[in-house]
């Protein structure tokens, strides 16, 4: 299946360092109290966060939320 995917126009294989850097992360990501955190998420995932975290979709797969107060 991977060879079929790599045959798609514009598809590229990831190098070993890139593969190792991929992780699921924590959602919401770790951050300090009352700090805005930017992380990767789709628009639907981003806007599904509670209103009090002030979710904002800020671009291609970029989401910003305000971490909870301490």
N, C-alpha and C. Protein backbone atom coordinates (compact mmCIF):
# COMPACT_ATOMS: atom_id res chain seq x y z
N UNK A 1 0.82 -1.19 0.00
CA UNK A 1 0.00 0.00 0.00
C UNK A 1 0.86 1.26 0.00
N UNK A 2 1.97 1.26 0.74
CA UNK A 2 2.81 2.45 0.80
C UNK A 2 3.32 2.83 -0.58
N UNK A 3 3.65 1.85 -1.41
CA UNK A 3 4.14 2.16 -2.75
C UNK A 3 3.05 2.82 -3.58
N UNK A 4 1.79 2.40 -3.37
CA UNK A 4 0.68 3.03 -4.08
C UNK A 4 0.54 4.49 -3.67
N UNK A 5 0.71 4.77 -2.39
CA UNK A 5 0.59 6.14 -1.89
C UNK A 5 1.73 6.99 -2.43
N UNK A 6 2.93 6.45 -2.46
CA UNK A 6 4.07 7.21 -2.96
C UNK A 6 3.99 7.49 -4.45
N UNK A 7 3.16 6.76 -5.17
CA UNK A 7 2.98 7.01 -6.60
C UNK A 7 2.03 8.17 -6.87
N UNK A 8 1.36 8.68 -5.84
CA UNK A 8 0.45 9.81 -6.04
C UNK A 8 1.25 11.07 -6.36
N UNK A 9 0.71 11.93 -7.22
CA UNK A 9 1.43 13.17 -7.56
C UNK A 9 1.69 14.01 -6.30
N UNK A 10 2.91 14.46 -6.12
CA UNK A 10 3.26 15.31 -5.00
C UNK A 10 3.62 14.58 -3.72
N UNK A 11 3.46 13.26 -3.69
CA UNK A 11 3.78 12.49 -2.48
C UNK A 11 5.29 12.32 -2.36
N UNK A 12 5.78 12.42 -1.14
CA UNK A 12 7.20 12.24 -0.87
C UNK A 12 7.36 11.31 0.32
N UNK A 13 8.41 10.50 0.29
CA UNK A 13 8.71 9.64 1.44
C UNK A 13 9.40 10.50 2.50
N UNK A 14 9.07 10.26 3.77
CA UNK A 14 9.73 10.97 4.87
C UNK A 14 11.05 10.31 5.19
N UNK A 15 12.04 11.13 5.50
CA UNK A 15 13.34 10.60 5.93
C UNK A 15 13.23 10.05 7.34
N UNK A 16 14.24 9.32 7.77
CA UNK A 16 14.24 8.72 9.11
C UNK A 16 14.11 9.78 10.20
N UNK A 17 14.85 10.92 10.16
CA UNK A 17 14.69 11.93 11.20
C UNK A 17 13.26 12.51 11.25
N UNK A 18 12.66 12.71 10.07
CA UNK A 18 11.29 13.21 10.04
C UNK A 18 10.33 12.20 10.63
N UNK A 19 10.53 10.92 10.32
CA UNK A 19 9.66 9.88 10.86
C UNK A 19 9.76 9.83 12.38
N UNK A 20 10.99 9.98 12.91
CA UNK A 20 11.18 9.93 14.35
C UNK A 20 10.59 11.13 15.06
N UNK A 21 10.47 12.27 14.35
CA UNK A 21 9.95 13.48 15.00
C UNK A 21 8.43 13.50 15.08
N UNK A 22 7.76 12.59 14.41
CA UNK A 22 6.30 12.56 14.43
C UNK A 22 5.82 11.89 15.71
N UNK A 23 4.92 12.57 16.41
CA UNK A 23 4.29 11.96 17.58
C UNK A 23 2.89 12.55 17.72
N UNK A 24 2.09 11.89 18.48
CA UNK A 24 0.71 12.33 18.65
C UNK A 24 0.59 13.55 19.54
N UNK A 25 1.59 13.79 20.39
CA UNK A 25 1.51 14.93 21.28
C UNK A 25 0.41 14.76 22.31
N UNK A 26 0.26 15.71 23.17
CA UNK A 26 -0.83 15.67 24.13
C UNK A 26 -1.86 16.71 23.74
N UNK A 27 -3.09 16.37 23.83
CA UNK A 27 -4.17 17.28 23.45
C UNK A 27 -5.03 17.51 24.67
N UNK A 28 -5.17 18.70 25.22
CA UNK A 28 -4.42 19.85 24.74
C UNK A 28 -2.95 19.71 25.09
N UNK A 29 -2.11 20.43 24.36
CA UNK A 29 -0.67 20.31 24.61
C UNK A 29 -0.28 20.85 25.97
N UNK A 30 0.90 20.46 26.41
CA UNK A 30 1.41 20.97 27.68
C UNK A 30 1.74 22.45 27.53
N UNK A 31 1.47 23.21 28.59
CA UNK A 31 1.79 24.63 28.56
C UNK A 31 1.66 25.21 29.95
N UNK A 32 2.10 26.43 30.10
CA UNK A 32 2.03 27.12 31.38
C UNK A 32 0.62 27.69 31.58
N UNK A 33 0.33 28.05 32.80
CA UNK A 33 -0.97 28.64 33.14
C UNK A 33 -1.14 29.96 32.39
N UNK A 34 -2.35 30.21 31.90
CA UNK A 34 -2.70 31.45 31.22
C UNK A 34 -1.78 31.76 30.04
N UNK A 35 -1.30 30.74 29.36
CA UNK A 35 -0.40 30.91 28.23
C UNK A 35 -1.09 30.41 26.97
N UNK A 36 -0.95 31.14 25.87
CA UNK A 36 -1.47 30.66 24.60
C UNK A 36 -0.51 29.63 24.04
N UNK A 37 -1.04 28.53 23.56
CA UNK A 37 -0.24 27.44 23.00
C UNK A 37 -0.70 27.20 21.58
N UNK A 38 0.24 27.08 20.66
CA UNK A 38 -0.06 26.79 19.26
C UNK A 38 0.38 25.35 18.98
N UNK A 39 -0.49 24.59 18.32
CA UNK A 39 -0.18 23.20 18.02
C UNK A 39 -0.90 22.79 16.75
N UNK A 40 -0.56 21.61 16.26
CA UNK A 40 -1.17 21.10 15.02
C UNK A 40 -2.52 20.46 15.33
N UNK A 41 -3.53 20.87 14.58
CA UNK A 41 -4.86 20.28 14.67
C UNK A 41 -5.66 20.73 13.47
N UNK A 42 -6.61 19.92 13.07
CA UNK A 42 -7.49 20.34 11.99
C UNK A 42 -8.43 21.42 12.52
N UNK A 43 -9.10 22.10 11.62
CA UNK A 43 -10.03 23.14 12.04
C UNK A 43 -11.13 22.56 12.92
N UNK A 44 -11.65 21.40 12.55
CA UNK A 44 -12.72 20.77 13.33
C UNK A 44 -12.22 20.39 14.73
N UNK A 45 -11.02 19.83 14.82
CA UNK A 45 -10.46 19.47 16.13
C UNK A 45 -10.24 20.71 16.98
N UNK A 46 -9.73 21.75 16.37
CA UNK A 46 -9.43 22.98 17.10
C UNK A 46 -10.71 23.60 17.67
N UNK A 47 -11.70 23.75 16.83
CA UNK A 47 -12.91 24.43 17.26
C UNK A 47 -13.78 23.57 18.16
N UNK A 48 -13.41 22.31 18.37
CA UNK A 48 -14.15 21.44 19.28
C UNK A 48 -13.72 21.64 20.74
N UNK A 49 -12.64 22.41 20.97
CA UNK A 49 -12.22 22.69 22.35
C UNK A 49 -13.25 23.57 23.04
N UNK A 50 -13.36 23.47 24.36
CA UNK A 50 -14.33 24.30 25.08
C UNK A 50 -14.07 25.79 24.87
N UNK A 51 -15.15 26.57 24.89
CA UNK A 51 -15.09 28.00 24.64
C UNK A 51 -14.14 28.71 25.60
N UNK A 52 -14.06 28.25 26.86
CA UNK A 52 -13.22 28.93 27.85
C UNK A 52 -11.73 28.84 27.52
N UNK A 53 -11.32 27.91 26.63
CA UNK A 53 -9.93 27.82 26.21
C UNK A 53 -9.63 28.74 25.03
N UNK A 54 -10.65 29.43 24.55
CA UNK A 54 -10.54 30.37 23.42
C UNK A 54 -9.86 29.73 22.21
N UNK A 55 -10.40 28.64 21.69
CA UNK A 55 -9.77 28.01 20.53
C UNK A 55 -9.82 28.93 19.31
N UNK A 56 -8.74 28.98 18.58
CA UNK A 56 -8.68 29.79 17.36
C UNK A 56 -7.90 29.02 16.31
N UNK A 57 -8.56 28.76 15.19
CA UNK A 57 -7.88 28.11 14.07
C UNK A 57 -7.14 29.21 13.32
N UNK A 58 -5.80 29.11 13.26
CA UNK A 58 -5.02 30.23 12.74
C UNK A 58 -4.30 29.93 11.42
N UNK A 59 -4.61 28.83 10.81
CA UNK A 59 -3.98 28.56 9.52
C UNK A 59 -3.99 27.09 9.21
N UNK A 60 -3.24 26.70 8.21
CA UNK A 60 -3.24 25.30 7.81
C UNK A 60 -2.78 24.38 8.94
N UNK A 61 -3.73 23.71 9.54
CA UNK A 61 -3.47 22.77 10.63
C UNK A 61 -2.78 23.42 11.83
N UNK A 62 -3.10 24.65 12.13
CA UNK A 62 -2.54 25.36 13.28
C UNK A 62 -3.69 25.83 14.17
N UNK A 63 -3.60 25.51 15.44
CA UNK A 63 -4.64 25.86 16.41
C UNK A 63 -3.98 26.55 17.59
N UNK A 64 -4.67 27.51 18.17
CA UNK A 64 -4.18 28.21 19.35
C UNK A 64 -5.25 28.10 20.43
N UNK A 65 -4.83 27.75 21.65
CA UNK A 65 -5.75 27.75 22.78
C UNK A 65 -5.07 28.43 23.97
N UNK A 66 -5.88 28.91 24.90
CA UNK A 66 -5.38 29.51 26.12
C UNK A 66 -5.41 28.44 27.20
N UNK A 67 -4.27 28.17 27.81
CA UNK A 67 -4.23 27.16 28.86
C UNK A 67 -5.02 27.65 30.06
N UNK A 68 -5.53 26.72 30.83
CA UNK A 68 -6.37 27.05 31.99
C UNK A 68 -5.56 27.81 33.04
N UNK A 69 -6.24 28.67 33.81
CA UNK A 69 -5.54 29.39 34.87
C UNK A 69 -5.09 28.44 35.98
N UNK A 70 -4.06 28.84 36.70
CA UNK A 70 -3.55 28.01 37.81
C UNK A 70 -4.39 28.21 39.05
